[in-house]
């Protein structure tokens, strides 16, 4: 029988890092698009830290929390409501779409780096002067949140950069292809998420993707 208190504790620790990871990922797409000439996300009120416009009940809450609990934190994936981008507003639609797509995973890597820096250079030194009660009720939960933030953001960055549309990596790859090859890549998009799920359930991702995740976490831990 599952330990209900342990599951509740995992959810409480994980929900804030998950929300920040997926919401800031989408804001980054919209902000990059704005700087490249497309104000669509801004006009629709999506360049905000208010989580409500970004939350997708399945992708932002249920899916990542369920995956985190079911895999004991080993695998998390989620998404917010996609930020609307109109490539017709770009000067160079193919290139600028690739750049705005790359902004999301890059933001996740930055958040992962910030999590390590806060943990190693702020929270851990601060803990040395705390009493046992404060350590248990404040420092330990914050530390666990930062560890979750590190892993979640790296996983989101790496999985989103898989070069399969509709993932960000597919959009970035499209920017480097000829128009003919880009059109061929677009035909994969309806099946893209099915391919990604198959990579996970068949454990192919264990050999192709998780080594990259482990290397990135190792490198970030050196900060």
N, C-alpha and C. Protein backbone atom coordinates (compact mmCIF):
# COMPACT_ATOMS: atom_id res chain seq x y z
N UNK A 1 0.84 -1.20 0.00
CA UNK A 1 0.00 0.00 0.00
C UNK A 1 0.88 1.25 0.00
N UNK A 2 0.63 2.20 -0.88
CA UNK A 2 1.48 3.39 -0.95
C UNK A 2 1.41 4.21 0.33
N UNK A 3 2.55 4.84 0.66
CA UNK A 3 2.64 5.71 1.83
C UNK A 3 2.02 7.06 1.46
N UNK A 4 0.79 7.28 1.89
CA UNK A 4 0.04 8.48 1.51
C UNK A 4 0.74 9.74 2.00
N UNK A 5 1.26 9.70 3.23
CA UNK A 5 1.92 10.89 3.77
C UNK A 5 3.17 11.23 2.96
N UNK A 6 3.88 10.20 2.50
CA UNK A 6 5.08 10.42 1.68
C UNK A 6 4.69 11.05 0.34
N UNK A 7 3.60 10.57 -0.25
CA UNK A 7 3.13 11.10 -1.53
C UNK A 7 2.72 12.56 -1.38
N UNK A 8 1.97 12.87 -0.32
CA UNK A 8 1.55 14.25 -0.07
C UNK A 8 2.76 15.16 0.12
N UNK A 9 3.76 14.65 0.84
CA UNK A 9 4.99 15.42 1.06
C UNK A 9 5.71 15.68 -0.26
N UNK A 10 5.78 14.65 -1.12
CA UNK A 10 6.42 14.81 -2.43
C UNK A 10 5.71 15.88 -3.26
N UNK A 11 4.38 15.83 -3.24
CA UNK A 11 3.59 16.80 -4.01
C UNK A 11 3.83 18.22 -3.50
N UNK A 12 3.82 18.38 -2.16
CA UNK A 12 4.01 19.70 -1.57
C UNK A 12 5.38 20.27 -1.92
N UNK A 13 6.39 19.42 -1.93
CA UNK A 13 7.75 19.87 -2.24
C UNK A 13 7.91 20.17 -3.73
N UNK A 14 7.20 19.44 -4.57
CA UNK A 14 7.43 19.49 -6.02
C UNK A 14 6.60 20.53 -6.75
N UNK A 15 5.44 20.89 -6.22
CA UNK A 15 4.49 21.66 -7.02
C UNK A 15 5.02 23.05 -7.40
N UNK A 16 5.71 23.73 -6.48
CA UNK A 16 6.23 25.06 -6.80
C UNK A 16 7.33 25.00 -7.85
N UNK A 17 8.35 24.12 -7.70
CA UNK A 17 9.36 24.03 -8.76
C UNK A 17 8.79 23.64 -10.12
N UNK A 18 7.80 22.75 -10.14
CA UNK A 18 7.19 22.34 -11.40
C UNK A 18 6.48 23.52 -12.06
N UNK A 19 5.70 24.26 -11.27
CA UNK A 19 4.97 25.40 -11.80
C UNK A 19 5.93 26.44 -12.38
N UNK A 20 6.99 26.76 -11.63
CA UNK A 20 7.96 27.74 -12.12
C UNK A 20 8.62 27.24 -13.41
N UNK A 21 8.98 25.97 -13.45
CA UNK A 21 9.70 25.42 -14.60
C UNK A 21 8.87 25.52 -15.87
N UNK A 22 7.62 25.07 -15.82
CA UNK A 22 6.82 25.03 -17.06
C UNK A 22 6.28 26.40 -17.44
N UNK A 23 5.96 27.24 -16.45
CA UNK A 23 5.41 28.56 -16.77
C UNK A 23 6.49 29.49 -17.31
N UNK A 24 7.67 29.52 -16.67
CA UNK A 24 8.74 30.37 -17.16
C UNK A 24 9.25 29.90 -18.52
N UNK A 25 9.15 28.60 -18.76
CA UNK A 25 9.49 28.05 -20.08
C UNK A 25 8.63 28.71 -21.16
N UNK A 26 7.32 28.80 -20.91
CA UNK A 26 6.42 29.39 -21.90
C UNK A 26 6.58 30.90 -22.00
N UNK A 27 6.78 31.56 -20.86
CA UNK A 27 7.00 33.01 -20.89
C UNK A 27 8.24 33.33 -21.73
N UNK A 28 9.27 32.49 -21.61
CA UNK A 28 10.49 32.71 -22.37
C UNK A 28 10.23 32.65 -23.87
N UNK A 29 9.39 31.70 -24.30
CA UNK A 29 9.02 31.63 -25.72
C UNK A 29 8.39 32.95 -26.16
N UNK A 30 7.42 33.41 -25.38
CA UNK A 30 6.69 34.62 -25.74
C UNK A 30 7.55 35.86 -25.71
N UNK A 31 8.44 35.95 -24.73
CA UNK A 31 9.30 37.12 -24.62
C UNK A 31 10.30 37.17 -25.78
N UNK A 32 10.86 36.00 -26.11
CA UNK A 32 11.79 35.94 -27.24
C UNK A 32 11.08 36.33 -28.53
N UNK A 33 9.86 35.82 -28.69
CA UNK A 33 9.08 36.17 -29.89
C UNK A 33 8.81 37.67 -29.95
N UNK A 34 8.52 38.26 -28.80
CA UNK A 34 8.28 39.72 -28.75
C UNK A 34 9.51 40.48 -29.21
N UNK A 35 10.67 40.09 -28.73
CA UNK A 35 11.91 40.76 -29.10
C UNK A 35 12.24 40.57 -30.58
N UNK A 36 11.72 39.49 -31.16
CA UNK A 36 11.96 39.21 -32.58
C UNK A 36 10.87 39.78 -33.48
N UNK A 37 9.89 40.47 -32.87
CA UNK A 37 8.90 41.18 -33.68
C UNK A 37 7.47 40.70 -33.59
N UNK A 38 7.21 39.65 -32.79
CA UNK A 38 5.84 39.14 -32.68
C UNK A 38 5.25 39.46 -31.31
N UNK A 39 4.28 40.39 -31.23
CA UNK A 39 3.70 40.78 -29.95
C UNK A 39 2.49 39.95 -29.53
N UNK A 40 2.22 38.84 -30.22
CA UNK A 40 0.98 38.08 -29.98
C UNK A 40 0.83 37.68 -28.51
N UNK A 41 1.88 37.09 -27.94
CA UNK A 41 1.79 36.63 -26.55
C UNK A 41 1.55 37.79 -25.60
N UNK A 42 2.20 38.90 -25.84
CA UNK A 42 2.03 40.08 -24.98
C UNK A 42 0.60 40.61 -25.06
N UNK A 43 0.07 40.69 -26.28
CA UNK A 43 -1.29 41.23 -26.46
C UNK A 43 -2.34 40.33 -25.81
N UNK A 44 -2.05 39.03 -25.71
CA UNK A 44 -3.00 38.09 -25.11
C UNK A 44 -2.75 37.89 -23.62
N UNK A 45 -1.85 38.70 -23.04
CA UNK A 45 -1.62 38.65 -21.61
C UNK A 45 -0.85 37.44 -21.12
N UNK A 46 -0.01 36.87 -21.98
CA UNK A 46 0.71 35.66 -21.60
C UNK A 46 2.13 35.93 -21.10
N UNK A 47 2.57 37.17 -21.13
CA UNK A 47 3.90 37.49 -20.59
C UNK A 47 3.75 37.95 -19.15
N UNK A 48 3.18 37.10 -18.34
CA UNK A 48 2.91 37.41 -16.94
C UNK A 48 3.32 36.26 -16.05
N UNK A 49 3.76 36.59 -14.83
CA UNK A 49 4.10 35.55 -13.86
C UNK A 49 2.86 35.02 -13.14
N UNK A 50 1.73 35.65 -13.38
CA UNK A 50 0.48 35.11 -12.84
C UNK A 50 0.26 33.72 -13.46
N UNK A 51 0.21 32.67 -12.65
CA UNK A 51 0.15 31.32 -13.22
C UNK A 51 -1.17 30.98 -13.90
N UNK A 52 -2.24 31.67 -13.56
CA UNK A 52 -3.57 31.26 -14.03
C UNK A 52 -3.67 31.22 -15.56
N UNK A 53 -3.20 32.24 -16.30
CA UNK A 53 -3.33 32.16 -17.77
C UNK A 53 -2.51 31.04 -18.40
N UNK A 54 -1.52 30.52 -17.66
CA UNK A 54 -0.61 29.53 -18.22
C UNK A 54 -0.99 28.09 -17.88
N UNK A 55 -1.79 27.91 -16.85
CA UNK A 55 -2.01 26.56 -16.33
C UNK A 55 -2.87 25.73 -17.27
N UNK A 56 -2.36 24.56 -17.60
CA UNK A 56 -3.13 23.52 -18.26
C UNK A 56 -3.31 22.42 -17.21
N UNK A 57 -4.53 22.12 -16.84
CA UNK A 57 -4.78 21.22 -15.72
C UNK A 57 -4.04 19.89 -15.88
N UNK A 58 -4.09 19.34 -17.08
CA UNK A 58 -3.41 18.06 -17.32
C UNK A 58 -1.90 18.25 -17.35
N UNK A 59 -1.42 19.14 -18.22
CA UNK A 59 0.01 19.25 -18.47
C UNK A 59 0.80 19.93 -17.39
N UNK A 60 0.19 20.89 -16.67
CA UNK A 60 0.92 21.65 -15.67
C UNK A 60 0.82 21.04 -14.27
N UNK A 61 -0.26 20.33 -14.01
CA UNK A 61 -0.48 19.84 -12.65
C UNK A 61 -0.52 18.31 -12.59
N UNK A 62 -1.51 17.72 -13.25
CA UNK A 62 -1.74 16.28 -13.08
C UNK A 62 -0.59 15.44 -13.63
N UNK A 63 -0.19 15.70 -14.89
CA UNK A 63 0.85 14.87 -15.51
C UNK A 63 2.19 14.93 -14.77
N UNK A 64 2.77 16.13 -14.53
CA UNK A 64 4.08 16.14 -13.87
C UNK A 64 4.06 15.60 -12.45
N UNK A 65 3.00 15.91 -11.70
CA UNK A 65 2.93 15.40 -10.33
C UNK A 65 2.76 13.88 -10.32
N UNK A 66 1.93 13.36 -11.21
CA UNK A 66 1.73 11.91 -11.28
C UNK A 66 3.02 11.21 -11.67
N UNK A 67 3.72 11.76 -12.66
CA UNK A 67 4.98 11.15 -13.10
C UNK A 67 6.02 11.22 -11.99
N UNK A 68 6.07 12.34 -11.29
CA UNK A 68 7.06 12.48 -10.22
C UNK A 68 6.80 11.47 -9.10
N UNK A 69 5.53 11.32 -8.74
CA UNK A 69 5.19 10.39 -7.66
C UNK A 69 5.38 8.95 -8.11
N UNK A 70 4.90 8.61 -9.30
CA UNK A 70 4.95 7.23 -9.77
C UNK A 70 6.37 6.74 -10.03
N UNK A 71 7.26 7.67 -10.41
CA UNK A 71 8.64 7.27 -10.69
C UNK A 71 9.59 7.65 -9.56
N UNK A 72 9.02 8.09 -8.44
CA UNK A 72 9.79 8.50 -7.27
C UNK A 72 10.82 9.58 -7.64
N UNK A 73 10.37 10.51 -8.50
CA UNK A 73 11.20 11.64 -8.86
C UNK A 73 12.19 11.38 -9.98
N UNK A 74 12.19 10.18 -10.56
CA UNK A 74 13.17 9.86 -11.60
C UNK A 74 12.79 10.43 -12.96
N UNK A 75 11.52 10.68 -13.18
CA UNK A 75 11.11 11.24 -14.47
C UNK A 75 9.93 12.19 -14.28
N UNK A 76 10.09 13.38 -14.82
CA UNK A 76 9.02 14.38 -14.76
C UNK A 76 8.94 15.05 -16.12
N UNK A 77 7.73 15.20 -16.62
CA UNK A 77 7.53 15.96 -17.85
C UNK A 77 6.19 16.66 -17.73
N UNK A 78 6.12 17.86 -18.26
CA UNK A 78 4.87 18.60 -18.20
C UNK A 78 4.91 19.77 -19.15
N UNK A 79 3.84 20.51 -19.18
CA UNK A 79 3.77 21.66 -20.06
C UNK A 79 2.69 22.62 -19.57
N UNK A 80 2.86 23.88 -19.91
CA UNK A 80 1.82 24.87 -19.67
C UNK A 80 1.07 25.07 -20.98
N UNK A 81 0.04 25.91 -20.96
CA UNK A 81 -0.64 26.22 -22.21
C UNK A 81 0.37 26.86 -23.15
N UNK A 82 0.51 26.36 -24.35
CA UNK A 82 1.51 26.93 -25.27
C UNK A 82 1.26 28.41 -25.51
N UNK A 83 2.33 29.18 -25.47
CA UNK A 83 2.23 30.60 -25.78
C UNK A 83 2.00 30.76 -27.28
N UNK A 84 0.99 31.53 -27.68
CA UNK A 84 0.72 31.72 -29.11
C UNK A 84 1.80 32.58 -29.77
N UNK A 85 2.31 32.08 -30.88
CA UNK A 85 3.33 32.81 -31.65
C UNK A 85 2.87 32.84 -33.11
N UNK A 86 2.93 34.03 -33.69
CA UNK A 86 2.57 34.19 -35.10
C UNK A 86 3.84 34.45 -35.91
N UNK A 87 4.37 33.43 -36.57
CA UNK A 87 5.64 33.61 -37.30
C UNK A 87 5.55 34.61 -38.45
N UNK A 88 4.34 34.96 -38.86
CA UNK A 88 4.19 35.96 -39.93
C UNK A 88 4.69 37.33 -39.50
N UNK A 89 4.82 37.53 -38.18
CA UNK A 89 5.32 38.81 -37.68
C UNK A 89 6.85 38.87 -37.64
N UNK A 90 7.52 37.75 -37.89
CA UNK A 90 8.97 37.72 -37.86
C UNK A 90 9.55 38.20 -39.19
N UNK A 91 10.72 38.83 -39.13
CA UNK A 91 11.41 39.20 -40.37
C UNK A 91 11.91 37.97 -41.10
N UNK A 92 12.42 37.00 -40.33
CA UNK A 92 12.89 35.74 -40.90
C UNK A 92 12.16 34.63 -40.15
N UNK A 93 10.96 34.22 -40.62
CA UNK A 93 10.12 33.31 -39.84
C UNK A 93 10.80 32.01 -39.43
N UNK A 94 11.53 31.37 -40.32
CA UNK A 94 12.13 30.08 -40.00
C UNK A 94 13.21 30.23 -38.94
N UNK A 95 14.07 31.22 -39.11
CA UNK A 95 15.14 31.46 -38.14
C UNK A 95 14.59 31.93 -36.80
N UNK A 96 13.68 32.90 -36.83
CA UNK A 96 13.18 33.49 -35.60
C UNK A 96 12.29 32.52 -34.82
N UNK A 97 11.60 31.63 -35.52
CA UNK A 97 10.82 30.61 -34.82
C UNK A 97 11.76 29.65 -34.09
N UNK A 98 12.88 29.33 -34.71
CA UNK A 98 13.87 28.47 -34.06
C UNK A 98 14.43 29.14 -32.81
N UNK A 99 14.73 30.44 -32.92
CA UNK A 99 15.28 31.16 -31.77
C UNK A 99 14.28 31.26 -30.62
N UNK A 100 13.02 31.57 -30.95
CA UNK A 100 12.01 31.68 -29.88
C UNK A 100 11.74 30.31 -29.27
N UNK A 101 11.86 29.25 -30.05
CA UNK A 101 11.67 27.90 -29.52
C UNK A 101 12.80 27.51 -28.57
N UNK A 102 14.02 27.90 -28.92
CA UNK A 102 15.18 27.57 -28.08
C UNK A 102 15.14 28.30 -26.74
N UNK A 103 14.41 29.41 -26.67
CA UNK A 103 14.38 30.21 -25.44
C UNK A 103 13.81 29.45 -24.26
N UNK A 104 12.84 28.56 -24.51
CA UNK A 104 12.22 27.81 -23.41
C UNK A 104 13.20 26.87 -22.72
N UNK A 105 13.83 25.92 -23.46
CA UNK A 105 14.82 25.05 -22.83
C UNK A 105 16.00 25.79 -22.23
N UNK A 106 16.44 26.89 -22.89
CA UNK A 106 17.54 27.67 -22.33
C UNK A 106 17.15 28.25 -20.97
N UNK A 107 15.92 28.72 -20.85
CA UNK A 107 15.44 29.24 -19.57
C UNK A 107 15.43 28.16 -18.50
N UNK A 108 15.04 26.94 -18.86
CA UNK A 108 15.07 25.84 -17.90
C UNK A 108 16.49 25.56 -17.41
N UNK A 109 17.47 25.63 -18.31
CA UNK A 109 18.86 25.41 -17.89
C UNK A 109 19.33 26.53 -16.96
N UNK A 110 18.91 27.76 -17.24
CA UNK A 110 19.25 28.88 -16.36
C UNK A 110 18.63 28.69 -14.98
N UNK A 111 17.36 28.25 -14.94
CA UNK A 111 16.69 27.99 -13.66
C UNK A 111 17.40 26.87 -12.89
N UNK A 112 17.86 25.85 -13.61
CA UNK A 112 18.59 24.76 -12.97
C UNK A 112 19.88 25.28 -12.35
N UNK A 113 20.59 26.14 -13.09
CA UNK A 113 21.83 26.72 -12.57
C UNK A 113 21.57 27.59 -11.35
N UNK A 114 20.51 28.39 -11.39
CA UNK A 114 20.15 29.23 -10.24
C UNK A 114 19.84 28.37 -9.03
N UNK A 115 19.17 27.24 -9.25
CA UNK A 115 18.81 26.34 -8.15
C UNK A 115 20.07 25.80 -7.47
N UNK A 116 21.07 25.42 -8.26
CA UNK A 116 22.32 24.91 -7.69
C UNK A 116 23.03 26.00 -6.90
N UNK A 117 23.11 27.19 -7.49
CA UNK A 117 23.81 28.30 -6.83
C UNK A 117 23.14 28.66 -5.51
N UNK A 118 21.81 28.73 -5.50
CA UNK A 118 21.09 29.05 -4.26
C UNK A 118 21.31 27.97 -3.21
N UNK A 119 21.30 26.71 -3.65
CA UNK A 119 21.46 25.60 -2.71
C UNK A 119 22.86 25.59 -2.11
N UNK A 120 23.88 25.66 -2.97
CA UNK A 120 25.26 25.49 -2.50
C UNK A 120 25.83 26.73 -1.84
N UNK A 121 25.44 27.90 -2.33
CA UNK A 121 26.11 29.12 -1.88
C UNK A 121 25.25 30.03 -1.01
N UNK A 122 23.99 29.63 -0.80
CA UNK A 122 23.12 30.42 0.08
C UNK A 122 22.50 29.54 1.16
N UNK A 123 21.76 28.52 0.74
CA UNK A 123 21.00 27.74 1.72
C UNK A 123 21.91 26.90 2.62
N UNK A 124 22.85 26.18 2.05
CA UNK A 124 23.72 25.31 2.86
C UNK A 124 24.57 26.12 3.83
N UNK A 125 25.21 27.22 3.41
CA UNK A 125 25.94 28.04 4.39
C UNK A 125 25.02 28.62 5.46
N UNK A 126 23.81 29.00 5.07
CA UNK A 126 22.84 29.56 6.02
C UNK A 126 22.44 28.53 7.06
N UNK A 127 22.39 27.27 6.64
CA UNK A 127 21.92 26.20 7.54
C UNK A 127 22.85 25.99 8.73
N UNK A 128 24.12 26.33 8.57
CA UNK A 128 25.08 26.07 9.65
C UNK A 128 24.78 26.85 10.93
N UNK A 129 24.06 27.95 10.79
CA UNK A 129 23.76 28.73 11.98
C UNK A 129 22.34 28.57 12.49
N UNK A 130 21.61 27.59 11.97
CA UNK A 130 20.20 27.42 12.33
C UNK A 130 20.01 26.37 13.42
N UNK A 131 18.95 26.55 14.20
CA UNK A 131 18.61 25.54 15.19
C UNK A 131 17.89 24.38 14.52
N UNK A 132 17.75 23.28 15.23
CA UNK A 132 17.20 22.04 14.65
C UNK A 132 15.78 22.23 14.14
N UNK A 133 14.98 23.00 14.85
CA UNK A 133 13.58 23.21 14.46
C UNK A 133 13.50 23.95 13.13
N UNK A 134 14.30 25.00 12.97
CA UNK A 134 14.30 25.78 11.73
C UNK A 134 14.84 24.94 10.57
N UNK A 135 15.84 24.14 10.86
CA UNK A 135 16.39 23.26 9.83
C UNK A 135 15.31 22.33 9.28
N UNK A 136 14.53 21.77 10.20
CA UNK A 136 13.52 20.78 9.80
C UNK A 136 12.35 21.43 9.09
N UNK A 137 11.90 22.58 9.58
CA UNK A 137 10.66 23.16 9.06
C UNK A 137 10.87 24.12 7.89
N UNK A 138 12.08 24.69 7.77
CA UNK A 138 12.32 25.70 6.72
C UNK A 138 13.43 25.28 5.76
N UNK A 139 14.62 25.06 6.29
CA UNK A 139 15.79 24.82 5.45
C UNK A 139 15.67 23.51 4.67
N UNK A 140 15.26 22.44 5.34
CA UNK A 140 15.16 21.14 4.65
C UNK A 140 14.13 21.17 3.51
N UNK A 141 12.91 21.69 3.72
CA UNK A 141 11.97 21.77 2.59
C UNK A 141 12.48 22.64 1.44
N UNK A 142 13.10 23.78 1.77
CA UNK A 142 13.63 24.65 0.72
C UNK A 142 14.75 23.95 -0.06
N UNK A 143 15.59 23.23 0.66
CA UNK A 143 16.66 22.50 0.01
C UNK A 143 16.13 21.43 -0.93
N UNK A 144 15.10 20.73 -0.49
CA UNK A 144 14.51 19.69 -1.33
C UNK A 144 13.83 20.30 -2.56
N UNK A 145 13.20 21.47 -2.37
CA UNK A 145 12.60 22.16 -3.52
C UNK A 145 13.66 22.52 -4.57
N UNK A 146 14.81 22.99 -4.10
CA UNK A 146 15.87 23.37 -5.03
C UNK A 146 16.45 22.16 -5.75
N UNK A 147 16.54 21.04 -5.05
CA UNK A 147 17.01 19.80 -5.69
C UNK A 147 16.01 19.35 -6.75
N UNK A 148 14.72 19.41 -6.41
CA UNK A 148 13.67 19.07 -7.38
C UNK A 148 13.73 20.04 -8.56
N UNK A 149 13.93 21.32 -8.29
CA UNK A 149 14.01 22.32 -9.35
C UNK A 149 15.15 22.02 -10.30
N UNK A 150 16.29 21.64 -9.76
CA UNK A 150 17.44 21.28 -10.59
C UNK A 150 17.08 20.14 -11.54
N UNK A 151 16.55 19.06 -11.00
CA UNK A 151 16.27 17.88 -11.82
C UNK A 151 15.14 18.13 -12.82
N UNK A 152 14.08 18.79 -12.37
CA UNK A 152 12.94 19.03 -13.25
C UNK A 152 13.34 19.92 -14.42
N UNK A 153 14.08 20.98 -14.15
CA UNK A 153 14.45 21.90 -15.21
C UNK A 153 15.41 21.27 -16.22
N UNK A 154 16.32 20.44 -15.75
CA UNK A 154 17.22 19.76 -16.68
C UNK A 154 16.45 18.77 -17.54
N UNK A 155 15.55 18.01 -16.91
CA UNK A 155 14.75 17.04 -17.67
C UNK A 155 13.89 17.75 -18.72
N UNK A 156 13.24 18.84 -18.33
CA UNK A 156 12.41 19.58 -19.28
C UNK A 156 13.25 20.14 -20.43
N UNK A 157 14.42 20.67 -20.11
CA UNK A 157 15.28 21.23 -21.16
C UNK A 157 15.70 20.14 -22.15
N UNK A 158 16.15 19.01 -21.63
CA UNK A 158 16.66 17.95 -22.51
C UNK A 158 15.54 17.32 -23.33
N UNK A 159 14.43 17.00 -22.69
CA UNK A 159 13.33 16.36 -23.44
C UNK A 159 12.75 17.33 -24.46
N UNK A 160 12.65 18.60 -24.12
CA UNK A 160 12.09 19.55 -25.07
C UNK A 160 13.01 19.78 -26.27
N UNK A 161 14.29 19.47 -26.12
CA UNK A 161 15.22 19.66 -27.22
C UNK A 161 15.38 18.41 -28.08
N UNK A 162 14.58 17.38 -27.81
CA UNK A 162 14.55 16.24 -28.74
C UNK A 162 14.10 16.78 -30.10
N UNK A 163 14.84 16.51 -31.16
CA UNK A 163 14.54 17.15 -32.46
C UNK A 163 13.34 16.54 -33.19
N UNK A 164 12.22 16.49 -32.48
CA UNK A 164 10.98 15.96 -33.05
C UNK A 164 9.87 16.98 -32.81
N UNK A 165 9.22 17.49 -33.84
CA UNK A 165 8.08 18.40 -33.61
C UNK A 165 6.93 17.62 -32.98
N UNK A 166 6.13 18.22 -32.08
CA UNK A 166 6.06 19.66 -31.79
C UNK A 166 6.98 20.12 -30.67
N UNK A 167 7.93 19.29 -30.24
CA UNK A 167 8.85 19.72 -29.19
C UNK A 167 9.73 20.85 -29.71
N UNK A 168 10.30 21.62 -28.78
CA UNK A 168 11.12 22.77 -29.17
C UNK A 168 12.29 22.37 -30.05
N UNK A 169 12.86 21.22 -29.77
CA UNK A 169 13.98 20.75 -30.58
C UNK A 169 13.61 20.58 -32.04
N UNK A 170 12.37 20.16 -32.29
CA UNK A 170 11.91 20.02 -33.66
C UNK A 170 11.81 21.37 -34.35
N UNK A 171 11.35 22.38 -33.61
CA UNK A 171 11.25 23.73 -34.17
C UNK A 171 12.65 24.31 -34.44
N UNK A 172 13.59 24.03 -33.52
CA UNK A 172 14.96 24.52 -33.71
C UNK A 172 15.58 23.83 -34.92
N UNK A 173 15.42 22.52 -35.02
CA UNK A 173 15.97 21.79 -36.17
C UNK A 173 15.41 22.33 -37.47
N UNK A 174 14.13 22.65 -37.47
CA UNK A 174 13.48 23.17 -38.67
C UNK A 174 14.17 24.44 -39.18
N UNK A 175 14.69 25.24 -38.25
CA UNK A 175 15.35 26.48 -38.64
C UNK A 175 16.65 26.26 -39.40
N UNK A 176 17.21 25.06 -39.30
CA UNK A 176 18.47 24.77 -39.99
C UNK A 176 18.25 24.00 -41.29
N UNK A 177 17.02 23.60 -41.56
CA UNK A 177 16.73 22.79 -42.74
C UNK A 177 16.29 23.65 -43.92
N UNK A 178 16.44 23.09 -45.10
CA UNK A 178 15.88 23.73 -46.28
C UNK A 178 14.36 23.70 -46.15
N UNK A 179 13.68 24.52 -46.93
CA UNK A 179 12.22 24.56 -46.85
C UNK A 179 11.61 23.20 -47.21
N UNK A 180 12.22 22.51 -48.17
CA UNK A 180 11.69 21.19 -48.56
C UNK A 180 11.82 20.20 -47.41
N UNK A 181 13.00 20.15 -46.78
CA UNK A 181 13.20 19.22 -45.66
C UNK A 181 12.40 19.64 -44.44
N UNK A 182 12.21 20.96 -44.26
CA UNK A 182 11.40 21.44 -43.14
C UNK A 182 9.95 20.99 -43.30
N UNK A 183 9.45 21.00 -44.52
CA UNK A 183 8.09 20.53 -44.77
C UNK A 183 7.96 19.04 -44.48
N UNK A 184 9.01 18.29 -44.79
CA UNK A 184 9.00 16.85 -44.49
C UNK A 184 8.98 16.62 -42.98
N UNK A 185 9.76 17.44 -42.25
CA UNK A 185 9.78 17.33 -40.79
C UNK A 185 8.42 17.65 -40.21
N UNK A 186 7.72 18.64 -40.78
CA UNK A 186 6.40 19.04 -40.30
C UNK A 186 5.40 17.88 -40.32
N UNK A 187 5.60 16.94 -41.25
CA UNK A 187 4.67 15.81 -41.38
C UNK A 187 4.75 14.87 -40.18
N UNK A 188 5.85 14.96 -39.43
CA UNK A 188 6.01 14.11 -38.24
C UNK A 188 5.21 14.64 -37.06
N UNK A 189 4.89 15.95 -37.08
CA UNK A 189 4.32 16.62 -35.90
C UNK A 189 3.11 15.92 -35.30
N UNK A 190 2.13 15.44 -36.08
CA UNK A 190 0.97 14.78 -35.45
C UNK A 190 1.34 13.53 -34.64
N UNK A 191 2.51 12.99 -34.91
CA UNK A 191 2.93 11.75 -34.23
C UNK A 191 4.07 12.00 -33.25
N UNK A 192 4.48 13.26 -33.10
CA UNK A 192 5.65 13.58 -32.32
C UNK A 192 5.57 13.14 -30.87
N UNK A 193 4.48 13.46 -30.18
CA UNK A 193 4.36 13.09 -28.77
C UNK A 193 4.25 11.59 -28.60
N UNK A 194 3.64 10.90 -29.56
CA UNK A 194 3.57 9.44 -29.50
C UNK A 194 4.98 8.85 -29.56
N UNK A 195 5.82 9.43 -30.44
CA UNK A 195 7.21 8.96 -30.55
C UNK A 195 7.95 9.17 -29.24
N UNK A 196 7.76 10.33 -28.62
CA UNK A 196 8.44 10.63 -27.36
C UNK A 196 7.99 9.66 -26.26
N UNK A 197 6.69 9.41 -26.18
CA UNK A 197 6.16 8.47 -25.17
C UNK A 197 6.73 7.08 -25.40
N UNK A 198 6.84 6.67 -26.66
CA UNK A 198 7.42 5.36 -26.98
C UNK A 198 8.89 5.29 -26.56
N UNK A 199 9.61 6.40 -26.73
CA UNK A 199 11.01 6.43 -26.29
C UNK A 199 11.12 6.16 -24.80
N UNK A 200 10.15 6.69 -24.04
CA UNK A 200 10.17 6.53 -22.58
C UNK A 200 9.73 5.12 -22.18
N UNK A 201 8.57 4.66 -22.68
CA UNK A 201 8.02 3.37 -22.23
C UNK A 201 8.85 2.19 -22.71
N UNK A 202 9.55 2.34 -23.83
CA UNK A 202 10.41 1.25 -24.31
C UNK A 202 11.82 1.34 -23.71
N UNK A 203 12.05 2.36 -22.90
CA UNK A 203 13.33 2.59 -22.21
C UNK A 203 14.47 2.91 -23.18
N UNK A 204 14.14 3.25 -24.41
CA UNK A 204 15.18 3.73 -25.32
C UNK A 204 15.79 5.03 -24.79
N UNK A 205 14.93 5.83 -24.15
CA UNK A 205 15.41 7.09 -23.58
C UNK A 205 16.48 6.87 -22.51
N UNK A 206 16.46 5.69 -21.88
CA UNK A 206 17.48 5.39 -20.86
C UNK A 206 18.88 5.46 -21.45
N UNK A 207 19.01 5.14 -22.72
CA UNK A 207 20.32 5.08 -23.37
C UNK A 207 20.63 6.33 -24.19
N UNK A 208 19.59 7.04 -24.65
CA UNK A 208 19.79 8.18 -25.52
C UNK A 208 19.69 9.52 -24.81
N UNK A 209 18.79 9.60 -23.83
CA UNK A 209 18.46 10.89 -23.23
C UNK A 209 18.96 11.03 -21.80
N UNK A 210 18.78 9.98 -20.99
CA UNK A 210 19.17 10.09 -19.58
C UNK A 210 20.67 10.31 -19.38
N UNK A 211 21.55 9.74 -20.24
CA UNK A 211 22.98 10.09 -20.07
C UNK A 211 23.24 11.58 -20.20
N UNK A 212 22.53 12.25 -21.12
CA UNK A 212 22.69 13.70 -21.29
C UNK A 212 22.21 14.42 -20.03
N UNK A 213 21.07 13.96 -19.48
CA UNK A 213 20.53 14.56 -18.26
C UNK A 213 21.54 14.42 -17.12
N UNK A 214 22.11 13.24 -16.97
CA UNK A 214 23.07 13.01 -15.87
C UNK A 214 24.32 13.87 -16.04
N UNK A 215 24.80 14.00 -17.27
CA UNK A 215 25.99 14.83 -17.52
C UNK A 215 25.70 16.29 -17.20
N UNK A 216 24.53 16.79 -17.63
CA UNK A 216 24.18 18.19 -17.36
C UNK A 216 24.04 18.46 -15.87
N UNK A 217 23.37 17.54 -15.16
CA UNK A 217 23.22 17.73 -13.71
C UNK A 217 24.60 17.72 -13.04
N UNK A 218 25.48 16.83 -13.51
CA UNK A 218 26.82 16.78 -12.97
C UNK A 218 27.59 18.07 -13.21
N UNK A 219 27.49 18.61 -14.42
CA UNK A 219 28.17 19.86 -14.75
C UNK A 219 27.61 21.03 -13.95
N UNK A 220 26.29 21.10 -13.85
CA UNK A 220 25.67 22.19 -13.09
C UNK A 220 26.02 22.10 -11.60
N UNK A 221 26.20 20.90 -11.11
CA UNK A 221 26.53 20.73 -9.69
C UNK A 221 27.92 21.27 -9.35
N UNK A 222 28.72 21.55 -10.36
CA UNK A 222 30.05 22.10 -10.13
C UNK A 222 30.03 23.61 -9.89
N UNK A 223 28.88 24.23 -10.15
CA UNK A 223 28.78 25.70 -9.99
C UNK A 223 28.98 26.12 -8.53
